[in-house]
N, C-alpha and C. Protein backbone atom coordinates (compact mmCIF):
# COMPACT_ATOMS: atom_id res chain seq x y z
N MET A 1 0.84 -1.18 0.00
CA MET A 1 0.00 0.00 0.00
C MET A 1 0.89 1.25 0.00
N VAL A 2 0.55 2.21 -0.83
CA VAL A 2 1.30 3.46 -0.89
C VAL A 2 0.88 4.34 0.29
N GLU A 3 1.87 4.85 1.02
CA GLU A 3 1.58 5.70 2.17
C GLU A 3 1.09 7.06 1.69
N ARG A 4 0.00 7.53 2.26
CA ARG A 4 -0.54 8.82 1.82
C ARG A 4 0.30 9.95 2.37
N GLU A 5 0.33 11.05 1.65
CA GLU A 5 1.04 12.24 2.10
C GLU A 5 0.11 13.13 2.90
N SER A 6 0.68 13.89 3.79
CA SER A 6 -0.11 14.80 4.60
C SER A 6 -0.70 15.90 3.71
N PRO A 7 -1.99 16.21 3.88
CA PRO A 7 -2.58 17.31 3.11
C PRO A 7 -2.11 18.67 3.59
N LEU A 8 -1.45 18.71 4.76
CA LEU A 8 -0.98 20.00 5.29
C LEU A 8 0.24 20.51 4.56
N GLY A 9 1.02 19.60 3.96
CA GLY A 9 2.18 19.99 3.18
C GLY A 9 3.10 20.93 3.93
N PRO A 10 3.55 22.00 3.28
CA PRO A 10 4.48 22.94 3.92
C PRO A 10 3.85 23.75 5.05
N ALA A 11 2.52 23.71 5.19
CA ALA A 11 1.86 24.44 6.29
C ALA A 11 2.15 23.79 7.64
N PHE A 12 2.56 22.50 7.61
CA PHE A 12 2.91 21.82 8.85
C PHE A 12 4.35 22.14 9.19
N GLU A 13 4.53 22.99 10.19
CA GLU A 13 5.85 23.48 10.57
C GLU A 13 6.07 23.22 12.06
N PRO A 14 6.76 22.11 12.41
CA PRO A 14 6.96 21.79 13.83
C PRO A 14 7.73 22.88 14.56
N GLY A 15 7.42 23.03 15.83
CA GLY A 15 8.12 24.00 16.65
C GLY A 15 7.19 24.66 17.65
N ALA A 16 7.74 25.58 18.43
CA ALA A 16 6.97 26.32 19.42
C ALA A 16 6.64 27.71 18.87
N PHE A 17 5.39 28.12 19.07
CA PHE A 17 4.92 29.43 18.62
C PHE A 17 4.24 30.11 19.81
N PRO A 18 5.04 30.61 20.76
CA PRO A 18 4.48 31.17 21.99
C PRO A 18 3.75 32.50 21.75
N ASN A 19 2.88 32.83 22.70
CA ASN A 19 2.21 34.12 22.64
C ASN A 19 3.16 35.19 23.18
N HIS A 20 2.66 36.42 23.38
CA HIS A 20 3.51 37.52 23.83
C HIS A 20 4.11 37.29 25.22
N ALA A 21 3.43 36.47 26.02
CA ALA A 21 3.93 36.18 27.37
C ALA A 21 4.88 34.99 27.37
N GLY A 22 5.11 34.39 26.20
CA GLY A 22 6.00 33.25 26.11
C GLY A 22 5.35 31.92 26.41
N ASP A 23 4.00 31.88 26.49
CA ASP A 23 3.28 30.65 26.81
C ASP A 23 2.88 29.89 25.55
N THR A 24 2.74 28.59 25.71
CA THR A 24 2.17 27.75 24.66
C THR A 24 1.05 26.95 25.30
N GLY A 25 -0.19 27.37 25.08
CA GLY A 25 -1.34 26.79 25.77
C GLY A 25 -1.85 25.49 25.20
N ILE A 26 -1.52 25.19 23.94
CA ILE A 26 -1.98 23.93 23.35
C ILE A 26 -0.90 23.34 22.45
N ARG A 27 -1.08 22.06 22.15
CA ARG A 27 -0.24 21.36 21.18
C ARG A 27 -1.11 20.93 20.01
N LEU A 28 -0.64 21.19 18.82
CA LEU A 28 -1.33 20.80 17.60
C LEU A 28 -0.53 19.72 16.89
N SER A 29 -1.22 18.73 16.36
CA SER A 29 -0.54 17.70 15.58
C SER A 29 -1.52 17.09 14.59
N GLU A 30 -0.96 16.46 13.59
CA GLU A 30 -1.79 15.69 12.67
C GLU A 30 -1.60 14.23 13.04
N ALA A 31 -2.71 13.52 13.19
CA ALA A 31 -2.63 12.10 13.56
C ALA A 31 -2.22 11.31 12.32
N THR A 32 -0.95 11.06 12.19
CA THR A 32 -0.45 10.30 11.05
C THR A 32 0.45 9.18 11.53
N PRO A 33 0.46 8.03 10.87
CA PRO A 33 -0.46 7.73 9.77
C PRO A 33 -1.82 7.32 10.33
N ALA A 34 -2.84 8.06 10.03
CA ALA A 34 -4.18 7.75 10.53
C ALA A 34 -4.92 6.89 9.52
N ARG A 35 -5.52 5.85 10.00
CA ARG A 35 -6.42 5.03 9.19
C ARG A 35 -7.83 5.42 9.62
N ILE A 36 -8.68 5.78 8.69
CA ILE A 36 -10.02 6.27 9.00
C ILE A 36 -11.02 5.51 8.15
N VAL A 37 -12.04 4.93 8.79
CA VAL A 37 -13.09 4.23 8.07
C VAL A 37 -14.45 4.68 8.59
N GLU A 38 -15.47 4.49 7.78
CA GLU A 38 -16.84 4.69 8.22
C GLU A 38 -17.54 3.34 8.18
N ALA A 39 -18.17 3.00 9.29
CA ALA A 39 -18.91 1.75 9.39
C ALA A 39 -20.39 2.07 9.56
N CYS A 40 -21.24 1.44 8.75
CA CYS A 40 -22.68 1.70 8.79
C CYS A 40 -23.44 0.39 8.98
N ALA A 41 -24.43 0.40 9.85
CA ALA A 41 -25.23 -0.79 10.13
C ALA A 41 -26.52 -0.76 9.31
N TRP A 42 -26.94 -1.93 8.89
CA TRP A 42 -28.28 -2.05 8.30
C TRP A 42 -29.29 -1.88 9.43
N PRO A 43 -30.53 -1.48 9.13
CA PRO A 43 -31.55 -1.31 10.18
C PRO A 43 -31.68 -2.58 11.04
N GLY A 44 -31.66 -2.37 12.35
CA GLY A 44 -31.77 -3.48 13.29
C GLY A 44 -30.46 -4.17 13.61
N LYS A 45 -29.38 -3.76 12.97
CA LYS A 45 -28.08 -4.41 13.17
C LYS A 45 -27.08 -3.50 13.90
N GLU A 46 -27.58 -2.46 14.55
CA GLU A 46 -26.70 -1.49 15.20
C GLU A 46 -25.82 -2.12 16.28
N GLN A 47 -26.42 -2.98 17.13
CA GLN A 47 -25.62 -3.61 18.19
C GLN A 47 -24.59 -4.56 17.60
N ALA A 48 -24.95 -5.27 16.54
CA ALA A 48 -23.99 -6.17 15.89
C ALA A 48 -22.82 -5.38 15.33
N LEU A 49 -23.09 -4.18 14.81
CA LEU A 49 -22.02 -3.33 14.30
C LEU A 49 -21.12 -2.85 15.43
N ARG A 50 -21.71 -2.41 16.54
CA ARG A 50 -20.91 -1.97 17.68
C ARG A 50 -20.04 -3.12 18.21
N ASP A 51 -20.59 -4.33 18.21
CA ASP A 51 -19.81 -5.49 18.64
C ASP A 51 -18.65 -5.76 17.69
N ALA A 52 -18.88 -5.58 16.39
CA ALA A 52 -17.81 -5.78 15.39
C ALA A 52 -16.71 -4.73 15.56
N ILE A 53 -17.09 -3.50 15.83
CA ILE A 53 -16.10 -2.44 16.07
C ILE A 53 -15.28 -2.78 17.30
N ALA A 54 -15.93 -3.30 18.34
CA ALA A 54 -15.22 -3.69 19.56
C ALA A 54 -14.21 -4.80 19.29
N ARG A 55 -14.59 -5.78 18.48
CA ARG A 55 -13.67 -6.87 18.16
C ARG A 55 -12.49 -6.37 17.34
N ALA A 56 -12.74 -5.43 16.43
CA ALA A 56 -11.69 -4.94 15.54
C ALA A 56 -10.74 -3.96 16.22
N THR A 57 -11.25 -3.18 17.18
CA THR A 57 -10.44 -2.09 17.75
C THR A 57 -10.23 -2.18 19.25
N GLY A 58 -11.05 -2.99 19.93
CA GLY A 58 -11.00 -3.02 21.39
C GLY A 58 -11.81 -1.91 22.03
N LEU A 59 -12.51 -1.10 21.22
CA LEU A 59 -13.30 0.02 21.74
C LEU A 59 -14.73 -0.43 21.98
N ARG A 60 -15.23 -0.19 23.17
CA ARG A 60 -16.60 -0.57 23.52
C ARG A 60 -17.49 0.66 23.44
N LEU A 61 -18.40 0.69 22.47
CA LEU A 61 -19.34 1.80 22.32
C LEU A 61 -20.61 1.46 23.08
N GLU A 62 -21.02 2.36 23.95
CA GLU A 62 -22.20 2.13 24.78
C GLU A 62 -23.38 2.92 24.26
N GLY A 63 -24.53 2.29 24.18
CA GLY A 63 -25.76 2.97 23.82
C GLY A 63 -25.81 3.43 22.38
N THR A 64 -26.85 4.20 22.09
CA THR A 64 -27.10 4.64 20.71
C THR A 64 -27.11 6.15 20.58
N ALA A 65 -26.64 6.86 21.60
CA ALA A 65 -26.67 8.33 21.56
C ALA A 65 -25.87 8.84 20.36
N ALA A 66 -26.40 9.86 19.73
CA ALA A 66 -25.75 10.42 18.54
C ALA A 66 -24.38 11.00 18.83
N ASN A 67 -24.09 11.30 20.09
CA ASN A 67 -22.80 11.88 20.42
C ASN A 67 -21.87 10.89 21.13
N SER A 68 -22.21 9.59 21.09
CA SER A 68 -21.40 8.61 21.80
C SER A 68 -20.07 8.37 21.07
N ALA A 69 -19.05 8.09 21.86
CA ALA A 69 -17.72 7.86 21.30
C ALA A 69 -16.93 7.02 22.29
N ALA A 70 -15.83 6.48 21.81
CA ALA A 70 -14.91 5.73 22.66
C ALA A 70 -13.51 5.91 22.09
N SER A 71 -12.51 5.86 22.96
CA SER A 71 -11.14 6.01 22.47
C SER A 71 -10.16 5.26 23.35
N SER A 72 -9.02 4.96 22.79
CA SER A 72 -7.91 4.36 23.50
C SER A 72 -6.66 5.12 23.07
N LYS A 73 -5.50 4.62 23.44
CA LYS A 73 -4.26 5.31 23.09
C LYS A 73 -4.07 5.44 21.58
N ASP A 74 -4.50 4.43 20.82
CA ASP A 74 -4.23 4.46 19.38
C ASP A 74 -5.46 4.27 18.49
N ALA A 75 -6.68 4.41 19.05
CA ALA A 75 -7.88 4.25 18.24
C ALA A 75 -9.02 5.08 18.80
N ALA A 76 -9.98 5.41 17.95
CA ALA A 76 -11.16 6.15 18.38
C ALA A 76 -12.34 5.77 17.50
N ALA A 77 -13.53 5.80 18.08
CA ALA A 77 -14.77 5.55 17.32
C ALA A 77 -15.78 6.60 17.75
N LEU A 78 -16.45 7.19 16.78
CA LEU A 78 -17.36 8.31 17.02
C LEU A 78 -18.65 8.07 16.26
N CYS A 79 -19.78 8.12 16.97
CA CYS A 79 -21.08 7.98 16.31
C CYS A 79 -21.35 9.26 15.51
N ILE A 80 -21.59 9.11 14.22
CA ILE A 80 -21.81 10.28 13.36
C ILE A 80 -23.22 10.31 12.78
N GLY A 81 -24.07 9.41 13.24
CA GLY A 81 -25.45 9.35 12.78
C GLY A 81 -26.04 8.02 13.20
N PRO A 82 -27.35 7.84 13.02
CA PRO A 82 -27.97 6.58 13.41
C PRO A 82 -27.30 5.38 12.73
N GLY A 83 -26.68 4.52 13.53
CA GLY A 83 -26.04 3.33 12.99
C GLY A 83 -24.79 3.59 12.18
N ARG A 84 -24.19 4.78 12.33
CA ARG A 84 -22.99 5.14 11.56
C ARG A 84 -21.88 5.57 12.49
N TYR A 85 -20.67 5.05 12.24
CA TYR A 85 -19.53 5.35 13.10
C TYR A 85 -18.30 5.68 12.27
N LEU A 86 -17.59 6.70 12.70
CA LEU A 86 -16.29 7.03 12.14
C LEU A 86 -15.27 6.41 13.07
N VAL A 87 -14.41 5.56 12.52
CA VAL A 87 -13.42 4.83 13.32
C VAL A 87 -12.04 5.17 12.80
N SER A 88 -11.13 5.50 13.71
CA SER A 88 -9.76 5.80 13.29
C SER A 88 -8.78 5.02 14.15
N SER A 89 -7.60 4.78 13.59
CA SER A 89 -6.58 4.06 14.31
C SER A 89 -5.21 4.40 13.73
N ALA A 90 -4.20 4.35 14.57
CA ALA A 90 -2.83 4.54 14.11
C ALA A 90 -2.25 3.23 13.57
N ARG A 91 -2.95 2.12 13.80
CA ARG A 91 -2.46 0.82 13.38
C ARG A 91 -2.74 0.57 11.90
N GLN A 92 -1.83 -0.13 11.27
CA GLN A 92 -2.01 -0.55 9.88
C GLN A 92 -3.18 -1.52 9.78
N GLY A 93 -3.82 -1.55 8.64
CA GLY A 93 -4.82 -2.58 8.36
C GLY A 93 -6.18 -2.40 9.00
N LEU A 94 -6.52 -1.17 9.41
CA LEU A 94 -7.82 -0.96 10.05
C LEU A 94 -8.96 -1.35 9.11
N PHE A 95 -8.91 -0.92 7.86
CA PHE A 95 -9.99 -1.22 6.93
C PHE A 95 -10.14 -2.73 6.75
N GLU A 96 -9.03 -3.43 6.55
CA GLU A 96 -9.09 -4.87 6.34
C GLU A 96 -9.64 -5.59 7.58
N THR A 97 -9.21 -5.14 8.76
CA THR A 97 -9.70 -5.75 10.00
C THR A 97 -11.19 -5.50 10.18
N MET A 98 -11.63 -4.28 9.91
CA MET A 98 -13.05 -3.95 10.04
C MET A 98 -13.88 -4.72 9.02
N ARG A 99 -13.37 -4.82 7.80
CA ARG A 99 -14.11 -5.54 6.75
C ARG A 99 -14.26 -7.02 7.11
N ALA A 100 -13.23 -7.57 7.76
CA ALA A 100 -13.31 -8.98 8.16
C ALA A 100 -14.33 -9.18 9.28
N GLU A 101 -14.53 -8.18 10.12
CA GLU A 101 -15.46 -8.30 11.25
C GLU A 101 -16.91 -7.95 10.90
N ILE A 102 -17.10 -7.10 9.89
CA ILE A 102 -18.45 -6.65 9.54
C ILE A 102 -18.92 -7.41 8.30
N ASP A 103 -19.80 -8.36 8.51
CA ASP A 103 -20.28 -9.16 7.37
C ASP A 103 -21.39 -8.41 6.63
N ALA A 104 -21.74 -8.94 5.47
CA ALA A 104 -22.72 -8.28 4.60
C ALA A 104 -24.11 -8.21 5.24
N GLU A 105 -24.38 -9.06 6.22
CA GLU A 105 -25.67 -9.04 6.90
C GLU A 105 -25.73 -7.93 7.96
N THR A 106 -24.56 -7.46 8.39
CA THR A 106 -24.51 -6.46 9.46
C THR A 106 -24.48 -5.04 8.91
N GLY A 107 -23.66 -4.80 7.88
CA GLY A 107 -23.56 -3.45 7.35
C GLY A 107 -22.41 -3.31 6.37
N THR A 108 -21.90 -2.11 6.27
CA THR A 108 -20.84 -1.80 5.31
C THR A 108 -19.70 -1.08 6.00
N VAL A 109 -18.54 -1.13 5.38
CA VAL A 109 -17.39 -0.38 5.87
C VAL A 109 -16.71 0.26 4.67
N THR A 110 -16.36 1.54 4.79
CA THR A 110 -15.76 2.30 3.70
C THR A 110 -14.46 2.94 4.18
N ASP A 111 -13.40 2.76 3.41
CA ASP A 111 -12.11 3.35 3.76
C ASP A 111 -12.12 4.83 3.41
N LEU A 112 -11.91 5.69 4.41
CA LEU A 112 -11.88 7.14 4.20
C LEU A 112 -10.48 7.72 4.42
N SER A 113 -9.48 6.85 4.54
CA SER A 113 -8.13 7.31 4.88
C SER A 113 -7.58 8.33 3.91
N HIS A 114 -7.96 8.22 2.65
CA HIS A 114 -7.46 9.17 1.65
C HIS A 114 -8.41 10.35 1.43
N GLY A 115 -9.50 10.41 2.21
CA GLY A 115 -10.46 11.49 2.05
C GLY A 115 -10.61 12.37 3.29
N ARG A 116 -10.08 11.93 4.43
CA ARG A 116 -10.18 12.68 5.67
C ARG A 116 -8.79 12.82 6.28
N THR A 117 -8.66 13.79 7.16
CA THR A 117 -7.46 13.90 7.99
C THR A 117 -7.90 14.19 9.41
N CYS A 118 -7.06 13.83 10.35
CA CYS A 118 -7.37 14.01 11.77
C CYS A 118 -6.36 14.96 12.39
N ILE A 119 -6.86 16.05 12.95
CA ILE A 119 -6.01 17.02 13.62
C ILE A 119 -6.28 16.94 15.11
N ARG A 120 -5.21 16.85 15.90
CA ARG A 120 -5.34 16.67 17.34
C ARG A 120 -4.93 17.95 18.08
N LEU A 121 -5.71 18.31 19.09
CA LEU A 121 -5.40 19.43 19.98
C LEU A 121 -5.27 18.88 21.39
N GLU A 122 -4.23 19.30 22.09
CA GLU A 122 -4.04 18.89 23.48
C GLU A 122 -3.58 20.10 24.29
N GLY A 123 -4.08 20.18 25.51
CA GLY A 123 -3.65 21.26 26.39
C GLY A 123 -4.81 21.94 27.09
N SER A 124 -4.47 22.72 28.11
CA SER A 124 -5.48 23.33 28.96
C SER A 124 -6.30 24.42 28.26
N ALA A 125 -5.82 24.95 27.16
CA ALA A 125 -6.53 26.04 26.48
C ALA A 125 -7.34 25.56 25.27
N CYS A 126 -7.50 24.23 25.10
CA CYS A 126 -8.23 23.71 23.94
C CYS A 126 -9.65 24.25 23.82
N GLU A 127 -10.37 24.24 24.94
CA GLU A 127 -11.76 24.71 24.90
C GLU A 127 -11.83 26.16 24.42
N TRP A 128 -10.94 26.99 24.93
CA TRP A 128 -10.92 28.40 24.57
C TRP A 128 -10.66 28.58 23.08
N VAL A 129 -9.67 27.86 22.57
CA VAL A 129 -9.31 27.99 21.16
C VAL A 129 -10.44 27.48 20.27
N LEU A 130 -11.00 26.32 20.59
CA LEU A 130 -12.06 25.76 19.76
C LEU A 130 -13.33 26.62 19.78
N SER A 131 -13.60 27.26 20.91
CA SER A 131 -14.80 28.10 20.99
C SER A 131 -14.72 29.32 20.07
N LYS A 132 -13.53 29.67 19.63
CA LYS A 132 -13.38 30.75 18.66
C LYS A 132 -13.82 30.33 17.27
N LEU A 133 -13.78 29.02 17.01
CA LEU A 133 -14.06 28.50 15.67
C LEU A 133 -15.45 27.90 15.51
N PHE A 134 -16.01 27.39 16.60
CA PHE A 134 -17.28 26.67 16.52
C PHE A 134 -18.27 27.22 17.53
N ALA A 135 -19.55 27.29 17.14
CA ALA A 135 -20.62 27.73 18.04
C ALA A 135 -21.08 26.54 18.86
N VAL A 136 -20.18 26.07 19.73
CA VAL A 136 -20.41 24.87 20.54
C VAL A 136 -19.95 25.18 21.97
N ASP A 137 -20.68 24.68 22.95
CA ASP A 137 -20.27 24.80 24.34
C ASP A 137 -19.32 23.63 24.65
N PHE A 138 -18.03 23.92 24.76
CA PHE A 138 -17.02 22.88 24.98
C PHE A 138 -16.75 22.61 26.46
N HIS A 139 -17.51 23.21 27.36
CA HIS A 139 -17.28 22.99 28.78
C HIS A 139 -17.43 21.51 29.11
N LEU A 140 -16.64 21.04 30.07
CA LEU A 140 -16.64 19.62 30.45
C LEU A 140 -18.02 19.09 30.83
N THR A 141 -18.86 19.93 31.42
CA THR A 141 -20.17 19.45 31.84
C THR A 141 -21.12 19.21 30.68
N THR A 142 -20.92 19.90 29.57
CA THR A 142 -21.80 19.72 28.42
C THR A 142 -21.15 18.92 27.28
N PHE A 143 -19.83 18.85 27.29
CA PHE A 143 -19.11 18.12 26.25
C PHE A 143 -18.01 17.31 26.95
N PRO A 144 -18.41 16.24 27.66
CA PRO A 144 -17.43 15.48 28.44
C PRO A 144 -16.58 14.56 27.56
N PRO A 145 -15.47 14.07 28.08
CA PRO A 145 -14.67 13.09 27.34
C PRO A 145 -15.52 11.89 26.93
N GLY A 146 -15.27 11.38 25.75
CA GLY A 146 -16.03 10.25 25.24
C GLY A 146 -17.25 10.65 24.44
N THR A 147 -17.39 11.94 24.13
CA THR A 147 -18.50 12.38 23.30
C THR A 147 -17.96 13.08 22.06
N GLY A 148 -18.85 13.31 21.12
CA GLY A 148 -18.45 13.97 19.89
C GLY A 148 -19.65 14.58 19.20
N LEU A 149 -19.38 15.33 18.15
CA LEU A 149 -20.45 15.94 17.38
C LEU A 149 -19.95 16.32 15.99
N ALA A 150 -20.90 16.57 15.11
CA ALA A 150 -20.59 17.06 13.77
C ALA A 150 -21.05 18.50 13.68
N THR A 151 -20.20 19.35 13.14
CA THR A 151 -20.52 20.77 13.02
C THR A 151 -19.71 21.34 11.85
N ALA A 152 -19.63 22.64 11.76
CA ALA A 152 -18.87 23.26 10.68
C ALA A 152 -18.25 24.57 11.14
N HIS A 153 -17.11 24.89 10.56
CA HIS A 153 -16.48 26.20 10.71
C HIS A 153 -16.57 26.85 9.34
N HIS A 154 -17.45 27.81 9.20
CA HIS A 154 -17.79 28.38 7.90
C HIS A 154 -18.19 27.24 6.97
N ASP A 155 -17.50 26.98 5.90
CA ASP A 155 -17.88 25.90 4.99
C ASP A 155 -17.09 24.61 5.24
N ILE A 156 -16.32 24.56 6.30
CA ILE A 156 -15.49 23.39 6.57
C ILE A 156 -16.21 22.47 7.55
N PHE A 157 -16.69 21.35 7.05
CA PHE A 157 -17.38 20.36 7.87
C PHE A 157 -16.36 19.69 8.79
N ALA A 158 -16.72 19.50 10.06
CA ALA A 158 -15.80 18.91 11.02
C ALA A 158 -16.55 17.97 11.95
N GLN A 159 -15.91 16.85 12.26
CA GLN A 159 -16.41 15.92 13.25
C GLN A 159 -15.44 15.98 14.43
N ILE A 160 -15.95 16.39 15.58
CA ILE A 160 -15.11 16.65 16.74
C ILE A 160 -15.32 15.57 17.79
N HIS A 161 -14.24 15.01 18.27
CA HIS A 161 -14.29 13.97 19.30
C HIS A 161 -13.45 14.45 20.48
N ARG A 162 -14.05 14.47 21.66
CA ARG A 162 -13.29 14.81 22.87
C ARG A 162 -12.81 13.48 23.48
N SER A 163 -11.54 13.22 23.35
CA SER A 163 -11.00 11.94 23.81
C SER A 163 -10.38 12.02 25.20
N GLY A 164 -10.31 13.21 25.76
CA GLY A 164 -9.79 13.38 27.11
C GLY A 164 -10.19 14.74 27.63
N GLU A 165 -9.91 15.01 28.90
CA GLU A 165 -10.30 16.29 29.49
C GLU A 165 -9.72 17.46 28.71
N ASN A 166 -8.48 17.33 28.26
CA ASN A 166 -7.81 18.39 27.51
C ASN A 166 -7.29 17.88 26.17
N ARG A 167 -8.09 17.06 25.51
CA ARG A 167 -7.65 16.48 24.23
C ARG A 167 -8.84 16.32 23.29
N PHE A 168 -8.68 16.80 22.06
CA PHE A 168 -9.71 16.70 21.03
C PHE A 168 -9.09 16.19 19.73
N GLU A 169 -9.87 15.40 18.99
CA GLU A 169 -9.52 15.06 17.61
C GLU A 169 -10.59 15.67 16.70
N ILE A 170 -10.13 16.32 15.64
CA ILE A 170 -11.05 16.93 14.69
C ILE A 170 -10.80 16.31 13.32
N PHE A 171 -11.85 15.72 12.73
CA PHE A 171 -11.76 15.09 11.43
C PHE A 171 -12.33 16.05 10.39
N VAL A 172 -11.55 16.35 9.38
CA VAL A 172 -11.98 17.24 8.30
C VAL A 172 -11.65 16.61 6.96
N PHE A 173 -12.35 17.05 5.91
CA PHE A 173 -12.02 16.59 4.56
C PHE A 173 -10.60 17.03 4.21
N ARG A 174 -9.86 16.16 3.56
CA ARG A 174 -8.47 16.48 3.21
C ARG A 174 -8.36 17.76 2.39
N SER A 175 -9.32 18.01 1.53
CA SER A 175 -9.25 19.20 0.66
C SER A 175 -9.37 20.50 1.46
N PHE A 176 -9.91 20.42 2.68
CA PHE A 176 -10.04 21.60 3.54
C PHE A 176 -9.01 21.63 4.66
N ALA A 177 -8.17 20.61 4.75
CA ALA A 177 -7.28 20.47 5.90
C ALA A 177 -6.33 21.65 6.07
N ARG A 178 -5.73 22.11 4.98
CA ARG A 178 -4.76 23.21 5.09
C ARG A 178 -5.44 24.51 5.51
N ALA A 179 -6.62 24.78 4.98
CA ALA A 179 -7.35 25.99 5.36
C ALA A 179 -7.78 25.93 6.82
N PHE A 180 -8.23 24.76 7.27
CA PHE A 180 -8.63 24.63 8.67
C PHE A 180 -7.41 24.74 9.59
N TRP A 181 -6.30 24.16 9.19
CA TRP A 181 -5.07 24.24 9.98
C TRP A 181 -4.65 25.71 10.18
N ALA A 182 -4.74 26.50 9.12
CA ALA A 182 -4.38 27.92 9.21
C ALA A 182 -5.33 28.65 10.16
N ALA A 183 -6.63 28.34 10.09
CA ALA A 183 -7.59 28.98 10.99
C ALA A 183 -7.33 28.58 12.44
N LEU A 184 -6.95 27.34 12.65
CA LEU A 184 -6.66 26.84 13.99
C LEU A 184 -5.41 27.52 14.57
N GLN A 185 -4.39 27.69 13.74
CA GLN A 185 -3.19 28.39 14.20
C GLN A 185 -3.49 29.84 14.56
N GLU A 186 -4.31 30.48 13.77
CA GLU A 186 -4.67 31.86 14.06
C GLU A 186 -5.46 31.96 15.36
N ALA A 187 -6.39 31.01 15.57
CA ALA A 187 -7.17 31.01 16.80
C ALA A 187 -6.30 30.73 18.02
N ALA A 188 -5.22 29.96 17.82
CA ALA A 188 -4.33 29.58 18.94
C ALA A 188 -3.24 30.59 19.20
N ALA A 189 -3.11 31.62 18.38
CA ALA A 189 -2.02 32.59 18.55
C ALA A 189 -2.11 33.28 19.90
N GLU A 190 -3.33 33.54 20.38
CA GLU A 190 -3.51 34.24 21.66
C GLU A 190 -2.95 33.42 22.82
N THR A 191 -3.15 32.12 22.81
CA THR A 191 -2.69 31.26 23.91
C THR A 191 -1.27 30.76 23.67
N GLY A 192 -0.81 30.84 22.42
CA GLY A 192 0.46 30.23 22.05
C GLY A 192 0.25 28.75 21.81
N TYR A 193 1.09 28.14 20.99
CA TYR A 193 0.91 26.73 20.67
C TYR A 193 2.22 26.10 20.24
N GLU A 194 2.24 24.80 20.29
CA GLU A 194 3.35 24.01 19.77
C GLU A 194 2.79 23.14 18.65
N VAL A 195 3.61 22.89 17.64
CA VAL A 195 3.26 21.97 16.57
C VAL A 195 4.20 20.78 16.69
N ARG A 196 3.61 19.60 16.78
CA ARG A 196 4.41 18.37 16.88
C ARG A 196 4.00 17.38 15.81
């Protein structure tokens, strides 16, 4: 398999970019190499699909809430609609593993690795920075770890997963990745940031 190139290209510039006070409030990175798939259940097969995702990734998805999600050190699954999940992993072969677990009676699995990118934010100022870009309440009480949602920043569609108290993954279309990255850097200039 040919390894995909980052859509960020020369816009991805590792280093520290502190604010005027010399602080760096968040860390930005691209989750690479990220494997991203969408798994969809046929009507009535939602639990069978969640069980297949658990076997393939070790992630246990609870309930049917539209904002349900689960994550581990190297994988994440996010409900993006009724019976639909966006699953990502740093491990090779995610699509093949998922396809082996999800039979034709349960649903479908589509490889999105070449169509999406995952940008990760970590740090105490994540909520502040993200609130500049999205009309979403990111407070822990309303957007706790293990939840997610689909929204947009202007015309850039984004699926946001909160994988920890101070950690978010944002999935965007590859064609918009560089524009979103630039907007994110601008929003983070006030707090300062590191790129890793």
